């Protein structure tokens, strides 16, 4: 369903975009092109395709949780920018 100039002006008003009369025709062509692409999507055969509602349906690949005895405090904090005793030192962010 192609858009007419009135519909283009209404869309621009709803989007709070001011357009001049000379811009209506090019914008109408662009929007009709976008709607044409969307209509092409309805032609795609999706029978048998299970819809993916969200990413929670995918299974995460997890690695084995291995305990390492070599995790000493000095080794863990060796790359810390600042430390206070056996702890990471971070700047205060809340007064």
N, C-alpha and C. Protein backbone atom coordinates (compact mmCIF):
# COMPACT_ATOMS: atom_id res chain seq x y z
N UNK A 1 0.83 -1.16 0.00
CA UNK A 1 0.00 0.00 0.00
C UNK A 1 0.89 1.24 0.00
N UNK A 2 0.98 1.93 -1.13
CA UNK A 2 1.84 3.11 -1.19
C UNK A 2 1.29 4.27 -0.37
N UNK A 3 2.21 5.05 0.17
CA UNK A 3 1.82 6.21 0.97
C UNK A 3 1.56 7.40 0.07
N UNK A 4 0.57 8.20 0.43
CA UNK A 4 0.31 9.44 -0.30
C UNK A 4 0.99 10.60 0.44
N UNK A 5 1.08 11.77 -0.17
CA UNK A 5 1.75 12.91 0.48
C UNK A 5 1.15 13.28 1.83
N UNK A 6 -0.15 13.11 1.99
CA UNK A 6 -0.78 13.41 3.29
C UNK A 6 -0.28 12.49 4.38
N UNK A 7 -0.12 11.21 4.05
CA UNK A 7 0.38 10.25 5.04
C UNK A 7 1.84 10.56 5.40
N UNK A 8 2.62 10.99 4.42
CA UNK A 8 4.02 11.34 4.68
C UNK A 8 4.09 12.54 5.62
N UNK A 9 3.25 13.55 5.38
CA UNK A 9 3.23 14.72 6.27
C UNK A 9 2.79 14.33 7.68
N UNK A 10 1.82 13.41 7.78
CA UNK A 10 1.36 12.97 9.11
C UNK A 10 2.47 12.21 9.83
N UNK A 11 3.19 11.34 9.13
CA UNK A 11 4.29 10.59 9.74
C UNK A 11 5.37 11.57 10.22
N UNK A 12 5.67 12.57 9.41
CA UNK A 12 6.67 13.56 9.80
C UNK A 12 6.22 14.34 11.03
N UNK A 13 4.95 14.68 11.08
CA UNK A 13 4.43 15.41 12.24
C UNK A 13 4.49 14.55 13.50
N UNK A 14 4.12 13.28 13.38
CA UNK A 14 4.18 12.38 14.53
C UNK A 14 5.61 12.15 15.01
N UNK A 15 6.55 12.18 14.06
CA UNK A 15 7.96 12.00 14.41
C UNK A 15 8.61 13.31 14.83
N UNK A 16 7.83 14.38 14.83
CA UNK A 16 8.31 15.71 15.18
C UNK A 16 9.44 16.16 14.26
N UNK A 17 9.26 15.88 12.96
CA UNK A 17 10.22 16.28 11.94
C UNK A 17 9.54 17.31 11.06
N UNK A 18 10.17 18.46 10.92
CA UNK A 18 9.60 19.46 10.02
C UNK A 18 10.17 19.24 8.62
N UNK A 19 9.28 19.12 7.65
CA UNK A 19 9.71 18.92 6.27
C UNK A 19 9.08 19.99 5.39
N UNK A 20 9.86 20.43 4.43
CA UNK A 20 9.35 21.41 3.47
C UNK A 20 8.54 20.69 2.41
N UNK A 21 7.75 21.44 1.67
CA UNK A 21 6.93 20.84 0.62
C UNK A 21 7.78 20.16 -0.45
N UNK A 22 8.99 20.69 -0.66
CA UNK A 22 9.87 20.09 -1.68
C UNK A 22 10.46 18.76 -1.21
N UNK A 23 10.40 18.48 0.09
CA UNK A 23 10.96 17.24 0.62
C UNK A 23 9.94 16.11 0.70
N UNK A 24 8.67 16.41 0.49
CA UNK A 24 7.62 15.41 0.65
C UNK A 24 7.77 14.30 -0.38
N UNK A 25 7.96 14.64 -1.64
CA UNK A 25 8.03 13.64 -2.71
C UNK A 25 9.23 12.70 -2.54
N UNK A 26 10.47 13.21 -2.29
CA UNK A 26 11.59 12.27 -2.08
C UNK A 26 11.38 11.39 -0.85
N UNK A 27 10.82 11.97 0.21
CA UNK A 27 10.57 11.17 1.41
C UNK A 27 9.49 10.13 1.15
N UNK A 28 8.51 10.47 0.36
CA UNK A 28 7.46 9.52 -0.01
C UNK A 28 8.06 8.35 -0.78
N UNK A 29 8.96 8.64 -1.71
CA UNK A 29 9.61 7.56 -2.47
C UNK A 29 10.44 6.66 -1.56
N UNK A 30 11.18 7.27 -0.61
CA UNK A 30 11.99 6.47 0.31
C UNK A 30 11.13 5.57 1.18
N UNK A 31 10.07 6.15 1.76
CA UNK A 31 9.20 5.36 2.63
C UNK A 31 8.49 4.25 1.85
N UNK A 32 8.07 4.52 0.63
CA UNK A 32 7.43 3.48 -0.19
C UNK A 32 8.43 2.38 -0.52
N UNK A 33 9.70 2.74 -0.72
CA UNK A 33 10.73 1.72 -0.95
C UNK A 33 10.93 0.83 0.26
N UNK A 34 10.94 1.45 1.45
CA UNK A 34 11.09 0.68 2.69
C UNK A 34 9.90 -0.26 2.87
N UNK A 35 8.70 0.25 2.62
CA UNK A 35 7.51 -0.60 2.74
C UNK A 35 7.53 -1.73 1.72
N UNK A 36 8.11 -1.48 0.56
CA UNK A 36 8.25 -2.54 -0.45
C UNK A 36 9.14 -3.66 0.04
N UNK A 37 10.25 -3.30 0.71
CA UNK A 37 11.14 -4.32 1.26
C UNK A 37 10.42 -5.13 2.35
N UNK A 38 9.62 -4.46 3.15
CA UNK A 38 8.89 -5.16 4.21
C UNK A 38 7.86 -6.12 3.60
N UNK A 39 7.22 -5.70 2.51
CA UNK A 39 6.26 -6.58 1.84
C UNK A 39 6.96 -7.81 1.26
N UNK A 40 8.21 -7.65 0.82
CA UNK A 40 8.96 -8.80 0.30
C UNK A 40 9.21 -9.83 1.39
N UNK A 41 9.34 -9.39 2.63
CA UNK A 41 9.57 -10.32 3.73
C UNK A 41 8.38 -11.25 3.92
N UNK A 42 7.19 -10.77 3.61
CA UNK A 42 6.01 -11.62 3.78
C UNK A 42 5.97 -12.75 2.76
N UNK A 43 6.77 -12.66 1.70
CA UNK A 43 6.82 -13.71 0.69
C UNK A 43 7.74 -14.86 1.07
N UNK A 44 8.54 -14.71 2.12
CA UNK A 44 9.48 -15.74 2.52
C UNK A 44 8.72 -16.90 3.14
N UNK A 45 9.06 -18.13 2.72
CA UNK A 45 8.42 -19.33 3.24
C UNK A 45 9.07 -19.69 4.58
N UNK A 46 8.32 -19.56 5.66
CA UNK A 46 8.84 -19.86 6.99
C UNK A 46 8.14 -21.06 7.62
N UNK A 47 7.49 -21.88 6.80
CA UNK A 47 6.84 -23.07 7.33
C UNK A 47 7.89 -24.01 7.89
N UNK A 48 7.67 -24.48 9.10
CA UNK A 48 8.59 -25.40 9.74
C UNK A 48 9.73 -24.73 10.48
N UNK A 49 9.80 -23.43 10.44
CA UNK A 49 10.84 -22.70 11.16
C UNK A 49 10.30 -22.36 12.54
N UNK A 50 11.02 -22.78 13.56
CA UNK A 50 10.60 -22.52 14.93
C UNK A 50 10.96 -21.07 15.27
N UNK A 51 10.01 -20.26 15.72
CA UNK A 51 10.33 -18.87 16.03
C UNK A 51 11.24 -18.77 17.25
N UNK A 52 12.19 -17.87 17.17
CA UNK A 52 13.10 -17.61 18.28
C UNK A 52 12.58 -16.38 19.00
N UNK A 53 12.02 -16.59 20.18
CA UNK A 53 11.43 -15.50 20.92
C UNK A 53 12.48 -14.69 21.64
N UNK A 54 13.50 -15.35 22.13
CA UNK A 54 14.56 -14.65 22.87
C UNK A 54 15.80 -15.49 22.95
N UNK A 55 16.85 -14.91 23.48
CA UNK A 55 18.11 -15.63 23.55
C UNK A 55 18.13 -16.68 24.66
N UNK A 56 17.14 -16.64 25.55
CA UNK A 56 17.12 -17.63 26.63
C UNK A 56 16.84 -19.04 26.11
N UNK A 57 16.43 -19.15 24.85
CA UNK A 57 16.16 -20.47 24.29
C UNK A 57 17.43 -21.16 23.80
N UNK A 58 18.51 -20.43 23.69
CA UNK A 58 19.75 -21.03 23.22
C UNK A 58 20.52 -21.59 24.40
N UNK A 59 21.20 -22.70 24.18
CA UNK A 59 21.99 -23.31 25.24
C UNK A 59 23.39 -22.72 25.24
N UNK A 60 23.85 -22.37 26.41
CA UNK A 60 25.19 -21.81 26.54
C UNK A 60 26.21 -22.94 26.60
N UNK A 61 27.34 -22.69 25.96
CA UNK A 61 28.43 -23.65 26.07
C UNK A 61 29.25 -23.29 27.29
N UNK A 62 29.30 -24.19 28.24
CA UNK A 62 30.01 -23.92 29.48
C UNK A 62 31.32 -24.70 29.53
N UNK A 63 32.30 -24.11 30.16
CA UNK A 63 33.57 -24.82 30.34
C UNK A 63 33.56 -25.51 31.70
N UNK A 64 34.43 -26.44 31.87
CA UNK A 64 34.53 -27.14 33.14
C UNK A 64 35.03 -26.18 34.22
N UNK A 65 34.44 -26.26 35.39
CA UNK A 65 34.86 -25.44 36.51
C UNK A 65 35.93 -26.21 37.27
N UNK A 66 37.18 -25.81 37.08
CA UNK A 66 38.30 -26.54 37.65
C UNK A 66 38.91 -25.72 38.78
N UNK A 67 39.09 -26.34 39.94
CA UNK A 67 39.71 -25.68 41.08
C UNK A 67 41.21 -25.68 40.88
N UNK A 68 41.81 -24.50 41.06
CA UNK A 68 43.26 -24.38 40.93
C UNK A 68 43.83 -24.03 42.28
N UNK A 69 44.80 -24.79 42.72
CA UNK A 69 45.41 -24.57 44.03
C UNK A 69 46.41 -23.42 44.00
N UNK A 70 46.78 -22.93 42.84
CA UNK A 70 47.81 -21.92 42.71
C UNK A 70 47.24 -20.50 42.74
N UNK A 71 46.03 -20.31 43.20
CA UNK A 71 45.42 -18.98 43.21
C UNK A 71 45.76 -18.26 44.51
N UNK A 72 47.02 -17.90 44.68
CA UNK A 72 47.44 -17.18 45.88
C UNK A 72 47.01 -15.73 45.78
N UNK A 73 46.91 -15.06 46.92
CA UNK A 73 46.48 -13.67 46.96
C UNK A 73 47.45 -12.80 46.17
N UNK A 74 48.74 -13.03 46.34
CA UNK A 74 49.73 -12.21 45.64
C UNK A 74 49.62 -12.40 44.12
N UNK A 75 49.36 -13.61 43.67
CA UNK A 75 49.24 -13.86 42.23
C UNK A 75 47.97 -13.23 41.68
N UNK A 76 46.88 -13.33 42.42
CA UNK A 76 45.62 -12.76 41.95
C UNK A 76 45.71 -11.24 41.87
N UNK A 77 46.34 -10.61 42.83
CA UNK A 77 46.43 -9.15 42.88
C UNK A 77 47.66 -8.60 42.17
N UNK A 78 48.40 -9.43 41.46
CA UNK A 78 49.63 -8.96 40.82
C UNK A 78 49.36 -7.93 39.73
N UNK A 79 48.22 -7.97 39.06
CA UNK A 79 47.90 -7.00 38.01
C UNK A 79 46.95 -5.91 38.48
N UNK A 80 46.65 -5.87 39.76
CA UNK A 80 45.74 -4.85 40.27
C UNK A 80 46.41 -3.48 40.22
N UNK A 81 45.70 -2.44 39.79
CA UNK A 81 46.31 -1.12 39.75
C UNK A 81 46.63 -0.57 41.14
N UNK A 82 45.83 -0.96 42.13
CA UNK A 82 46.08 -0.52 43.50
C UNK A 82 45.50 -1.56 44.44
N UNK A 83 46.14 -1.74 45.57
CA UNK A 83 45.66 -2.72 46.53
C UNK A 83 45.90 -2.24 47.94
N UNK A 84 45.06 -2.72 48.85
CA UNK A 84 45.21 -2.45 50.27
C UNK A 84 45.22 -3.79 50.97
N UNK A 85 46.40 -4.24 51.34
CA UNK A 85 46.54 -5.55 51.96
C UNK A 85 46.13 -6.63 50.97
N UNK A 86 45.26 -7.56 51.37
CA UNK A 86 44.85 -8.63 50.46
C UNK A 86 43.61 -8.29 49.64
N UNK A 87 43.33 -6.99 49.42
CA UNK A 87 42.11 -6.57 48.73
C UNK A 87 42.43 -5.63 47.56
N UNK A 88 41.53 -5.60 46.57
CA UNK A 88 41.60 -4.60 45.51
C UNK A 88 41.22 -3.25 46.12
N UNK A 89 41.94 -2.19 45.78
CA UNK A 89 41.59 -0.84 46.22
C UNK A 89 40.92 -0.12 45.05
N UNK A 90 39.73 0.41 45.30
CA UNK A 90 39.00 1.13 44.25
C UNK A 90 38.66 2.51 44.78
N UNK A 91 38.51 3.48 43.89
CA UNK A 91 38.14 4.83 44.36
C UNK A 91 36.72 4.85 44.90
N UNK A 92 36.51 5.72 45.90
CA UNK A 92 35.19 5.86 46.48
C UNK A 92 34.27 6.53 45.47
N UNK A 93 33.08 5.96 45.24
CA UNK A 93 32.15 6.53 44.27
C UNK A 93 30.87 7.04 44.91
N UNK A 94 30.60 6.71 46.16
CA UNK A 94 29.41 7.16 46.85
C UNK A 94 29.85 7.89 48.10
N UNK A 95 29.32 9.07 48.30
CA UNK A 95 29.69 9.85 49.49
C UNK A 95 28.86 9.42 50.67
